[in-house]
């Protein structure tokens, strides 16, 4: 019902026009998962198909050119994705640096949330920031406060070391950099 309300507010014709393939946009993807267009509609008010900033043109002439639509402005709530850590996509600065320090996190097959109690500094800034992570499917019974120190590591964490560079750590490092040190403050 929430998604239908967002679509009705935007209007179905505008939702179709927002997407890369305008005649074939779906807000529900394979296996009943939420499409990127639906996530972007809820976060930004526009159902763009991509998470990079602005638009990208593919093709050399107007007859063979396709426009890929990304995020056009900074939203209040951001978005981070494990797919960026794997090199499958690029999340733009609009979504990495939202006006409020709150991010929807897409990791594997579901969404969770990461937030800070103060405005987050730009990636690469050396000051530590505390973020809280909440996963509604993770059976969390404790607060997960993570102290992120950009540039706090001498070398990037080992990709295969799931103790120090697990799924959520990889996602966090897409925002604060591969050399960000993460202190989970005693939580697992």
N, C-alpha and C. Protein backbone atom coordinates (compact mmCIF):
# COMPACT_ATOMS: atom_id res chain seq x y z
N UNK A 1 0.82 -1.19 0.00
CA UNK A 1 0.00 0.00 0.00
C UNK A 1 0.87 1.27 0.00
N UNK A 2 1.98 1.21 0.74
CA UNK A 2 2.90 2.36 0.79
C UNK A 2 3.48 2.65 -0.59
N UNK A 3 3.90 1.59 -1.29
CA UNK A 3 4.47 1.76 -2.62
C UNK A 3 3.42 2.30 -3.60
N UNK A 4 2.20 1.80 -3.51
CA UNK A 4 1.13 2.31 -4.38
C UNK A 4 0.86 3.79 -4.12
N UNK A 5 0.92 4.19 -2.86
CA UNK A 5 0.72 5.59 -2.51
C UNK A 5 1.82 6.46 -3.12
N UNK A 6 3.07 5.98 -3.04
CA UNK A 6 4.18 6.74 -3.64
C UNK A 6 4.02 6.84 -5.15
N UNK A 7 3.61 5.74 -5.78
CA UNK A 7 3.42 5.75 -7.22
C UNK A 7 2.27 6.67 -7.61
N UNK A 8 1.19 6.65 -6.85
CA UNK A 8 0.04 7.52 -7.16
C UNK A 8 0.42 8.99 -6.96
N UNK A 9 1.24 9.28 -5.97
CA UNK A 9 1.68 10.65 -5.74
C UNK A 9 2.54 11.14 -6.91
N UNK A 10 3.40 10.27 -7.40
CA UNK A 10 4.27 10.63 -8.53
C UNK A 10 3.51 10.61 -9.85
N UNK A 11 2.49 9.81 -9.96
CA UNK A 11 1.69 9.52 -11.15
C UNK A 11 2.36 8.42 -11.97
N UNK A 12 1.59 7.48 -12.44
CA UNK A 12 2.11 6.33 -13.19
C UNK A 12 2.86 6.78 -14.44
N UNK A 13 2.38 7.80 -15.13
CA UNK A 13 3.06 8.26 -16.35
C UNK A 13 4.45 8.82 -16.02
N UNK A 14 4.59 9.52 -14.90
CA UNK A 14 5.90 10.06 -14.51
C UNK A 14 6.83 8.94 -14.06
N UNK A 15 6.30 7.93 -13.37
CA UNK A 15 7.11 6.78 -12.96
C UNK A 15 7.67 6.09 -14.20
N UNK A 16 6.83 5.89 -15.22
CA UNK A 16 7.31 5.28 -16.47
C UNK A 16 8.37 6.15 -17.14
N UNK A 17 8.17 7.46 -17.14
CA UNK A 17 9.12 8.37 -17.79
C UNK A 17 10.45 8.46 -17.02
N UNK A 18 10.45 8.18 -15.73
CA UNK A 18 11.67 8.24 -14.93
C UNK A 18 12.65 7.12 -15.27
N UNK A 19 12.14 5.98 -15.69
CA UNK A 19 12.97 4.78 -15.86
C UNK A 19 13.75 4.81 -17.17
N UNK A 20 14.79 3.98 -17.24
CA UNK A 20 15.60 3.88 -18.47
C UNK A 20 14.79 3.34 -19.63
N UNK A 21 14.07 2.25 -19.40
CA UNK A 21 13.23 1.64 -20.43
C UNK A 21 11.79 2.02 -20.08
N UNK A 22 11.32 3.09 -20.70
CA UNK A 22 10.10 3.73 -20.25
C UNK A 22 8.84 2.90 -20.44
N UNK A 23 8.81 2.03 -21.40
CA UNK A 23 7.61 1.23 -21.60
C UNK A 23 7.59 -0.05 -20.79
N UNK A 24 8.68 -0.32 -20.09
CA UNK A 24 8.80 -1.61 -19.41
C UNK A 24 9.35 -1.45 -18.00
N UNK A 25 8.72 -0.59 -17.20
CA UNK A 25 9.18 -0.38 -15.83
C UNK A 25 8.32 -1.20 -14.87
N UNK A 26 8.97 -1.84 -13.93
CA UNK A 26 8.27 -2.61 -12.92
C UNK A 26 8.82 -2.23 -11.56
N UNK A 27 7.96 -2.05 -10.59
CA UNK A 27 8.41 -1.71 -9.24
C UNK A 27 8.66 -2.97 -8.41
N UNK A 28 8.22 -4.10 -8.93
CA UNK A 28 8.49 -5.38 -8.28
C UNK A 28 9.32 -6.20 -9.25
N UNK A 29 10.50 -6.61 -8.80
CA UNK A 29 11.44 -7.32 -9.66
C UNK A 29 11.28 -8.83 -9.49
N UNK A 30 12.24 -9.57 -10.02
CA UNK A 30 12.22 -11.04 -9.95
C UNK A 30 12.11 -11.51 -8.50
N UNK A 31 11.45 -12.60 -8.30
CA UNK A 31 11.29 -13.24 -7.00
C UNK A 31 10.52 -12.38 -6.00
N UNK A 32 9.80 -11.38 -6.49
CA UNK A 32 9.02 -10.51 -5.62
C UNK A 32 9.84 -9.45 -4.91
N UNK A 33 11.10 -9.27 -5.30
CA UNK A 33 11.95 -8.27 -4.67
C UNK A 33 11.59 -6.88 -5.20
N UNK A 34 11.93 -5.89 -4.43
CA UNK A 34 11.73 -4.50 -4.79
C UNK A 34 12.72 -4.12 -5.89
N UNK A 35 12.27 -3.47 -6.94
CA UNK A 35 13.18 -3.04 -8.01
C UNK A 35 13.92 -1.77 -7.57
N UNK A 36 15.02 -1.45 -8.26
CA UNK A 36 15.75 -0.23 -7.94
C UNK A 36 14.89 1.00 -8.22
N UNK A 37 14.03 0.91 -9.21
CA UNK A 37 13.10 2.02 -9.49
C UNK A 37 12.20 2.28 -8.29
N UNK A 38 11.72 1.22 -7.64
CA UNK A 38 10.86 1.39 -6.46
C UNK A 38 11.64 1.99 -5.29
N UNK A 39 12.86 1.50 -5.07
CA UNK A 39 13.69 2.04 -3.99
C UNK A 39 13.95 3.53 -4.24
N UNK A 40 14.33 3.87 -5.46
CA UNK A 40 14.61 5.28 -5.78
C UNK A 40 13.36 6.13 -5.67
N UNK A 41 12.21 5.61 -6.05
CA UNK A 41 10.96 6.35 -5.90
C UNK A 41 10.71 6.68 -4.43
N UNK A 42 10.92 5.71 -3.55
CA UNK A 42 10.69 5.94 -2.13
C UNK A 42 11.73 6.87 -1.51
N UNK A 43 12.98 6.81 -1.98
CA UNK A 43 14.04 7.64 -1.41
C UNK A 43 14.09 9.05 -1.98
N UNK A 44 13.81 9.18 -3.27
CA UNK A 44 14.02 10.47 -3.93
C UNK A 44 12.76 11.09 -4.53
N UNK A 45 11.72 10.30 -4.67
CA UNK A 45 10.50 10.80 -5.30
C UNK A 45 10.46 10.58 -6.80
N UNK A 46 11.52 10.02 -7.37
CA UNK A 46 11.58 9.71 -8.80
C UNK A 46 12.03 8.26 -8.97
N UNK A 47 11.43 7.57 -9.92
CA UNK A 47 11.69 6.14 -10.12
C UNK A 47 12.80 5.89 -11.13
N UNK A 48 13.94 6.53 -10.94
CA UNK A 48 15.07 6.31 -11.85
C UNK A 48 15.60 4.90 -11.68
N UNK A 49 16.23 4.40 -12.72
CA UNK A 49 16.68 3.00 -12.75
C UNK A 49 18.05 2.77 -12.14
N UNK A 50 18.80 3.84 -11.87
CA UNK A 50 20.19 3.70 -11.45
C UNK A 50 20.47 4.51 -10.19
N UNK A 51 21.65 4.27 -9.59
CA UNK A 51 22.01 4.94 -8.34
C UNK A 51 23.18 5.90 -8.50
N UNK A 52 23.72 6.06 -9.70
CA UNK A 52 24.77 7.05 -9.92
C UNK A 52 24.15 8.43 -9.99
N UNK A 53 24.99 9.48 -9.93
CA UNK A 53 24.50 10.86 -10.02
C UNK A 53 24.22 11.23 -11.46
N UNK A 54 23.09 11.89 -11.71
CA UNK A 54 22.78 12.44 -13.02
C UNK A 54 22.40 11.41 -14.06
N UNK A 55 22.73 11.73 -15.31
CA UNK A 55 22.42 10.87 -16.44
C UNK A 55 23.69 10.47 -17.17
N UNK A 56 23.63 9.32 -17.82
CA UNK A 56 24.73 8.88 -18.68
C UNK A 56 24.15 8.53 -20.03
N UNK A 57 24.81 8.97 -21.07
CA UNK A 57 24.38 8.70 -22.45
C UNK A 57 25.20 7.55 -23.01
N UNK A 58 24.52 6.59 -23.61
CA UNK A 58 25.17 5.48 -24.31
C UNK A 58 24.87 5.64 -25.79
N UNK A 59 25.90 5.57 -26.61
CA UNK A 59 25.72 5.73 -28.05
C UNK A 59 26.33 7.04 -28.51
N UNK A 60 26.58 7.10 -29.81
CA UNK A 60 27.28 8.27 -30.35
C UNK A 60 26.36 9.23 -31.09
N UNK A 61 25.28 8.74 -31.67
CA UNK A 61 24.37 9.62 -32.40
C UNK A 61 23.00 9.58 -31.73
N UNK A 62 22.18 10.55 -32.05
CA UNK A 62 20.86 10.60 -31.42
C UNK A 62 20.00 9.40 -31.79
N UNK A 63 20.26 8.80 -32.94
CA UNK A 63 19.44 7.65 -33.35
C UNK A 63 19.79 6.38 -32.58
N UNK A 64 21.03 6.26 -32.10
CA UNK A 64 21.39 5.05 -31.35
C UNK A 64 21.73 5.35 -29.88
N UNK A 65 21.33 6.51 -29.41
CA UNK A 65 21.66 6.94 -28.04
C UNK A 65 20.58 6.50 -27.06
N UNK A 66 21.02 6.02 -25.93
CA UNK A 66 20.11 5.67 -24.83
C UNK A 66 20.56 6.45 -23.60
N UNK A 67 19.62 7.03 -22.90
CA UNK A 67 19.93 7.77 -21.68
C UNK A 67 19.64 6.90 -20.47
N UNK A 68 20.67 6.72 -19.64
CA UNK A 68 20.51 6.02 -18.37
C UNK A 68 20.30 7.08 -17.30
N UNK A 69 19.23 6.93 -16.54
CA UNK A 69 18.87 7.94 -15.56
C UNK A 69 19.27 7.50 -14.15
N UNK A 70 19.97 8.40 -13.47
CA UNK A 70 20.36 8.17 -12.09
C UNK A 70 19.66 9.15 -11.17
N UNK A 71 20.33 9.52 -10.11
CA UNK A 71 19.75 10.39 -9.08
C UNK A 71 20.05 11.84 -9.44
N UNK A 72 19.02 12.68 -9.42
CA UNK A 72 19.18 14.06 -9.90
C UNK A 72 19.51 15.07 -8.81
N UNK A 73 19.31 14.70 -7.55
CA UNK A 73 19.59 15.65 -6.46
C UNK A 73 19.81 14.89 -5.16
N UNK A 74 20.31 15.58 -4.17
CA UNK A 74 20.58 14.98 -2.87
C UNK A 74 19.26 14.71 -2.14
N UNK A 75 19.01 13.45 -1.75
CA UNK A 75 17.79 13.14 -1.00
C UNK A 75 18.01 13.31 0.51
N UNK A 76 16.96 13.19 1.27
CA UNK A 76 17.08 13.23 2.74
C UNK A 76 17.68 11.94 3.27
N UNK A 77 17.34 10.81 2.65
CA UNK A 77 17.83 9.50 3.08
C UNK A 77 18.67 8.91 1.96
N UNK A 78 19.81 8.34 2.31
CA UNK A 78 20.72 7.81 1.31
C UNK A 78 20.57 6.32 1.06
N UNK A 79 21.50 5.79 0.29
CA UNK A 79 21.46 4.39 -0.12
C UNK A 79 22.89 3.89 -0.27
N UNK A 80 23.17 2.72 0.28
CA UNK A 80 24.45 2.04 0.12
C UNK A 80 24.18 0.62 -0.30
N UNK A 81 25.09 0.04 -1.10
CA UNK A 81 24.83 -1.29 -1.65
C UNK A 81 26.08 -2.17 -1.61
N UNK A 82 25.86 -3.42 -1.25
CA UNK A 82 26.92 -4.41 -1.31
C UNK A 82 27.39 -4.61 -2.75
N UNK A 83 26.51 -4.40 -3.70
CA UNK A 83 26.87 -4.55 -5.12
C UNK A 83 27.98 -3.58 -5.52
N UNK A 84 28.06 -2.43 -4.87
CA UNK A 84 29.16 -1.51 -5.17
C UNK A 84 30.48 -2.10 -4.67
N UNK A 85 30.46 -2.71 -3.50
CA UNK A 85 31.68 -3.33 -2.97
C UNK A 85 32.17 -4.44 -3.90
N UNK A 86 31.25 -5.09 -4.59
CA UNK A 86 31.62 -6.15 -5.54
C UNK A 86 31.95 -5.61 -6.93
N UNK A 87 31.82 -4.29 -7.13
CA UNK A 87 32.15 -3.68 -8.40
C UNK A 87 31.05 -3.77 -9.45
N UNK A 88 29.83 -4.10 -9.05
CA UNK A 88 28.73 -4.26 -10.01
C UNK A 88 28.02 -2.96 -10.35
N UNK A 89 28.12 -1.97 -9.48
CA UNK A 89 27.49 -0.68 -9.72
C UNK A 89 28.22 0.39 -8.93
N UNK A 90 27.88 1.64 -9.21
CA UNK A 90 28.46 2.77 -8.49
C UNK A 90 27.35 3.60 -7.89
N UNK A 91 27.37 3.75 -6.58
CA UNK A 91 26.42 4.63 -5.91
C UNK A 91 27.02 6.03 -5.93
N UNK A 92 26.26 6.99 -6.41
CA UNK A 92 26.75 8.36 -6.52
C UNK A 92 26.79 9.10 -5.20
N UNK A 93 27.41 10.26 -5.22
CA UNK A 93 27.57 11.05 -4.00
C UNK A 93 26.24 11.57 -3.46
N UNK A 94 25.24 11.77 -4.33
CA UNK A 94 23.94 12.21 -3.81
C UNK A 94 23.39 11.21 -2.81
N UNK A 95 23.46 9.93 -3.11
CA UNK A 95 22.94 8.90 -2.21
C UNK A 95 23.91 8.59 -1.07
N UNK A 96 25.21 8.76 -1.30
CA UNK A 96 26.18 8.50 -0.22
C UNK A 96 26.20 9.63 0.80
N UNK A 97 25.81 10.83 0.39
CA UNK A 97 25.85 11.99 1.27
C UNK A 97 24.47 12.65 1.33
N UNK A 98 23.49 11.95 1.91
CA UNK A 98 22.14 12.52 2.00
C UNK A 98 22.11 13.70 2.98
N UNK A 99 21.04 14.48 2.95
CA UNK A 99 20.94 15.63 3.85
C UNK A 99 20.77 15.20 5.31
N UNK A 100 20.24 14.03 5.56
CA UNK A 100 20.16 13.46 6.90
C UNK A 100 21.09 12.25 6.95
N UNK A 101 21.75 11.98 8.07
CA UNK A 101 22.71 10.86 8.13
C UNK A 101 22.02 9.51 8.32
N UNK A 102 21.22 9.14 7.33
CA UNK A 102 20.47 7.88 7.35
C UNK A 102 20.63 7.23 5.98
N UNK A 103 20.94 5.92 5.97
CA UNK A 103 21.12 5.20 4.72
C UNK A 103 20.34 3.90 4.74
N UNK A 104 19.61 3.64 3.67
CA UNK A 104 19.06 2.31 3.43
C UNK A 104 20.21 1.48 2.89
N UNK A 105 20.40 0.30 3.45
CA UNK A 105 21.50 -0.58 3.07
C UNK A 105 20.94 -1.79 2.34
N UNK A 106 21.41 -2.01 1.12
CA UNK A 106 21.02 -3.21 0.37
C UNK A 106 22.18 -4.18 0.41
N UNK A 107 21.96 -5.31 1.06
CA UNK A 107 23.00 -6.33 1.18
C UNK A 107 22.35 -7.69 0.94
N UNK A 108 22.83 -8.34 -0.07
CA UNK A 108 22.31 -9.64 -0.50
C UNK A 108 20.84 -9.52 -0.87
N UNK A 109 19.95 -10.10 -0.11
CA UNK A 109 18.56 -10.17 -0.57
C UNK A 109 17.58 -9.32 0.22
N UNK A 110 18.07 -8.44 1.10
CA UNK A 110 17.12 -7.60 1.83
C UNK A 110 17.75 -6.26 2.20
N UNK A 111 16.93 -5.42 2.79
CA UNK A 111 17.33 -4.07 3.12
C UNK A 111 17.40 -3.91 4.65
N UNK A 112 18.33 -3.08 5.08
CA UNK A 112 18.47 -2.74 6.49
C UNK A 112 18.76 -1.24 6.55
N UNK A 113 19.11 -0.72 7.72
CA UNK A 113 19.34 0.72 7.84
C UNK A 113 20.59 1.00 8.67
N UNK A 114 21.26 2.06 8.29
CA UNK A 114 22.45 2.56 8.98
C UNK A 114 22.19 4.04 9.24
N UNK A 115 22.47 4.50 10.46
CA UNK A 115 22.25 5.92 10.73
C UNK A 115 23.25 6.44 11.75
N UNK A 116 23.44 7.75 11.73
CA UNK A 116 24.32 8.43 12.67
C UNK A 116 23.50 9.45 13.44
N UNK A 117 24.00 9.87 14.61
CA UNK A 117 23.25 10.86 15.38
C UNK A 117 23.66 12.29 15.08
N UNK A 118 24.64 12.45 14.18
CA UNK A 118 25.05 13.79 13.76
C UNK A 118 25.34 13.73 12.28
N UNK A 119 25.32 14.87 11.62
CA UNK A 119 25.60 14.85 10.18
C UNK A 119 26.92 14.16 9.88
N UNK A 120 26.88 13.28 8.92
CA UNK A 120 28.08 12.52 8.56
C UNK A 120 29.03 13.40 7.76
N UNK A 121 30.29 13.28 8.06
CA UNK A 121 31.30 14.03 7.32
C UNK A 121 31.53 13.39 5.96
N UNK A 122 32.08 14.15 5.07
CA UNK A 122 32.36 13.65 3.73
C UNK A 122 33.33 12.47 3.81
N UNK A 123 33.22 11.54 2.88
CA UNK A 123 34.17 10.43 2.86
C UNK A 123 35.60 10.94 2.84
N UNK A 124 36.45 10.27 3.61
CA UNK A 124 37.85 10.65 3.63
C UNK A 124 38.20 11.60 4.76
N UNK A 125 37.20 12.26 5.36
CA UNK A 125 37.48 13.12 6.50
C UNK A 125 37.98 12.23 7.64
N UNK A 126 39.05 12.64 8.33
CA UNK A 126 39.71 11.76 9.29
C UNK A 126 39.01 11.57 10.62
N UNK A 127 38.01 12.35 10.95
CA UNK A 127 37.35 12.22 12.24
C UNK A 127 36.47 10.98 12.29
N UNK A 128 36.47 10.32 13.45
CA UNK A 128 35.63 9.14 13.65
C UNK A 128 34.17 9.56 13.77
N UNK A 129 33.30 8.69 13.33
CA UNK A 129 31.86 8.91 13.45
C UNK A 129 31.22 7.61 13.93
N UNK A 130 30.27 7.73 14.85
CA UNK A 130 29.51 6.57 15.30
C UNK A 130 28.28 6.41 14.43
N UNK A 131 28.08 5.20 13.94
CA UNK A 131 26.87 4.86 13.19
C UNK A 131 26.22 3.66 13.87
N UNK A 132 24.92 3.57 13.73
CA UNK A 132 24.18 2.45 14.27
C UNK A 132 23.60 1.67 13.10
N UNK A 133 23.64 0.36 13.23
CA UNK A 133 23.16 -0.52 12.18
C UNK A 133 21.99 -1.32 12.72
N UNK A 134 20.90 -1.38 11.93
CA UNK A 134 19.75 -2.17 12.32
C UNK A 134 19.31 -3.03 11.14
N UNK A 135 19.18 -4.31 11.41
CA UNK A 135 18.73 -5.28 10.40
C UNK A 135 17.49 -5.97 10.95
N UNK A 136 16.31 -5.66 10.40
CA UNK A 136 15.08 -6.26 10.94
C UNK A 136 15.02 -7.77 10.77
N UNK A 137 15.79 -8.33 9.85
CA UNK A 137 15.79 -9.78 9.67
C UNK A 137 16.97 -10.45 10.37
N UNK A 138 17.81 -9.67 11.01
CA UNK A 138 19.03 -10.19 11.61
C UNK A 138 18.88 -10.69 13.03
N UNK A 139 17.67 -10.72 13.53
CA UNK A 139 17.41 -11.18 14.90
C UNK A 139 18.32 -10.46 15.89
N UNK A 140 18.40 -9.18 15.75
CA UNK A 140 19.24 -8.37 16.62
C UNK A 140 18.64 -8.29 18.01
N UNK A 141 19.45 -8.55 19.01
CA UNK A 141 18.98 -8.38 20.38
C UNK A 141 19.88 -7.40 21.14
N UNK A 142 20.77 -6.74 20.42
CA UNK A 142 21.64 -5.75 21.01
C UNK A 142 21.85 -4.60 20.04
N UNK A 143 22.20 -3.46 20.61
CA UNK A 143 22.51 -2.30 19.79
C UNK A 143 23.81 -2.55 19.03
N UNK A 144 23.85 -2.18 17.77
CA UNK A 144 25.06 -2.33 16.97
C UNK A 144 25.58 -0.94 16.63
N UNK A 145 26.45 -0.44 17.50
CA UNK A 145 27.10 0.85 17.28
C UNK A 145 28.47 0.57 16.70
N UNK A 146 28.75 1.19 15.58
CA UNK A 146 30.02 0.99 14.88
C UNK A 146 30.73 2.34 14.80
N UNK A 147 31.94 2.38 15.32
CA UNK A 147 32.74 3.59 15.21
C UNK A 147 33.58 3.48 13.94
N UNK A 148 33.33 4.39 13.01
CA UNK A 148 34.00 4.40 11.71
C UNK A 148 35.07 5.48 11.73
N UNK A 149 36.31 5.08 11.47
CA UNK A 149 37.41 6.03 11.39
C UNK A 149 37.98 5.98 9.97
N UNK A 150 37.60 6.94 9.12
CA UNK A 150 38.13 6.96 7.75
C UNK A 150 39.66 7.05 7.77
N UNK A 151 40.30 6.26 6.93
CA UNK A 151 41.74 6.27 6.85
C UNK A 151 42.44 5.65 8.05
N UNK A 152 41.70 4.93 8.89
CA UNK A 152 42.25 4.35 10.11
C UNK A 152 43.06 3.08 9.91
N UNK A 153 43.01 2.49 8.72
CA UNK A 153 43.80 1.28 8.44
C UNK A 153 45.02 1.64 7.59
N UNK A 154 46.08 0.90 7.77
CA UNK A 154 47.28 1.10 6.96
C UNK A 154 47.11 0.52 5.56
N UNK A 155 46.35 -0.58 5.47
CA UNK A 155 46.06 -1.20 4.18
C UNK A 155 44.63 -1.71 4.20
N UNK A 156 44.06 -1.88 3.03
CA UNK A 156 42.67 -2.32 2.92
C UNK A 156 42.50 -3.70 3.55
N UNK A 157 41.33 -3.90 4.15
CA UNK A 157 41.01 -5.19 4.78
C UNK A 157 41.01 -6.30 3.73
N UNK A 158 41.42 -7.48 4.15
CA UNK A 158 41.43 -8.66 3.28
C UNK A 158 40.00 -8.98 2.86
N UNK A 159 39.77 -9.06 1.56
CA UNK A 159 38.43 -9.34 1.03
C UNK A 159 37.85 -10.65 1.55
N UNK A 160 38.69 -11.63 1.83
CA UNK A 160 38.21 -12.94 2.25
C UNK A 160 38.10 -13.10 3.76
N UNK A 161 38.53 -12.10 4.52
CA UNK A 161 38.47 -12.18 5.98
C UNK A 161 37.11 -11.68 6.45
N UNK A 162 36.19 -12.60 6.64
CA UNK A 162 34.83 -12.22 7.00
C UNK A 162 34.70 -11.76 8.45
N UNK A 163 35.71 -11.97 9.26
CA UNK A 163 35.69 -11.47 10.64
C UNK A 163 35.84 -9.94 10.65
N UNK A 164 36.76 -9.42 9.87
CA UNK A 164 37.00 -7.97 9.86
C UNK A 164 36.40 -7.28 8.64
N UNK A 165 36.02 -8.05 7.64
CA UNK A 165 35.51 -7.44 6.42
C UNK A 165 34.30 -8.21 5.91
N UNK A 166 33.33 -8.35 6.78
CA UNK A 166 32.09 -9.04 6.40
C UNK A 166 31.22 -8.18 5.50
N UNK A 167 30.05 -8.67 5.24
CA UNK A 167 29.13 -8.03 4.30
C UNK A 167 28.85 -6.57 4.67
N UNK A 168 28.48 -6.29 5.90
CA UNK A 168 28.13 -4.92 6.29
C UNK A 168 29.38 -4.04 6.33
N UNK A 169 30.50 -4.60 6.75
CA UNK A 169 31.75 -3.83 6.73
C UNK A 169 32.08 -3.40 5.30
N UNK A 170 31.91 -4.29 4.35
CA UNK A 170 32.16 -3.95 2.94
C UNK A 170 31.26 -2.80 2.49
N UNK A 171 29.98 -2.86 2.90
CA UNK A 171 29.04 -1.79 2.52
C UNK A 171 29.45 -0.47 3.15
N UNK A 172 29.78 -0.48 4.43
CA UNK A 172 30.18 0.75 5.12
C UNK A 172 31.41 1.35 4.44
N UNK A 173 32.33 0.51 4.03
CA UNK A 173 33.55 1.02 3.39
C UNK A 173 33.29 1.60 2.00
N UNK A 174 32.15 1.31 1.39
CA UNK A 174 31.83 1.99 0.13
C UNK A 174 31.54 3.47 0.38
N UNK A 175 31.15 3.81 1.59
CA UNK A 175 30.85 5.20 1.94
C UNK A 175 32.06 5.93 2.54
N UNK A 176 32.80 5.26 3.45
CA UNK A 176 33.88 5.91 4.18
C UNK A 176 35.27 5.52 3.69
N UNK A 177 35.36 4.68 2.68
CA UNK A 177 36.64 4.33 2.08
C UNK A 177 37.17 2.98 2.53
N UNK A 178 37.96 2.37 1.65
CA UNK A 178 38.50 1.03 1.91
C UNK A 178 39.45 0.99 3.09
N UNK A 179 40.01 2.15 3.47
CA UNK A 179 40.92 2.19 4.61
C UNK A 179 40.22 2.58 5.91
N UNK A 180 38.89 2.60 5.90
CA UNK A 180 38.15 2.93 7.12
C UNK A 180 38.30 1.80 8.14
N UNK A 181 38.66 2.18 9.36
CA UNK A 181 38.70 1.22 10.46
C UNK A 181 37.32 1.16 11.08
N UNK A 182 36.82 -0.04 11.34
CA UNK A 182 35.50 -0.22 11.92
C UNK A 182 35.65 -0.89 13.29
N UNK A 183 35.18 -0.20 14.32
CA UNK A 183 35.17 -0.75 15.68
C UNK A 183 33.73 -1.06 16.01
N UNK A 184 33.42 -2.34 16.17
CA UNK A 184 32.05 -2.77 16.43
C UNK A 184 31.69 -2.63 17.91
N UNK A 185 32.57 -2.10 18.70
CA UNK A 185 32.31 -1.80 20.11
C UNK A 185 31.73 -2.98 20.88
N UNK A 186 32.29 -4.15 20.66
CA UNK A 186 31.89 -5.35 21.41
C UNK A 186 30.74 -6.13 20.83
N UNK A 187 30.05 -5.61 19.84
CA UNK A 187 28.95 -6.39 19.25
C UNK A 187 29.49 -7.25 18.10
N UNK A 188 28.76 -8.26 17.78
CA UNK A 188 29.21 -9.18 16.71
C UNK A 188 28.56 -8.82 15.41
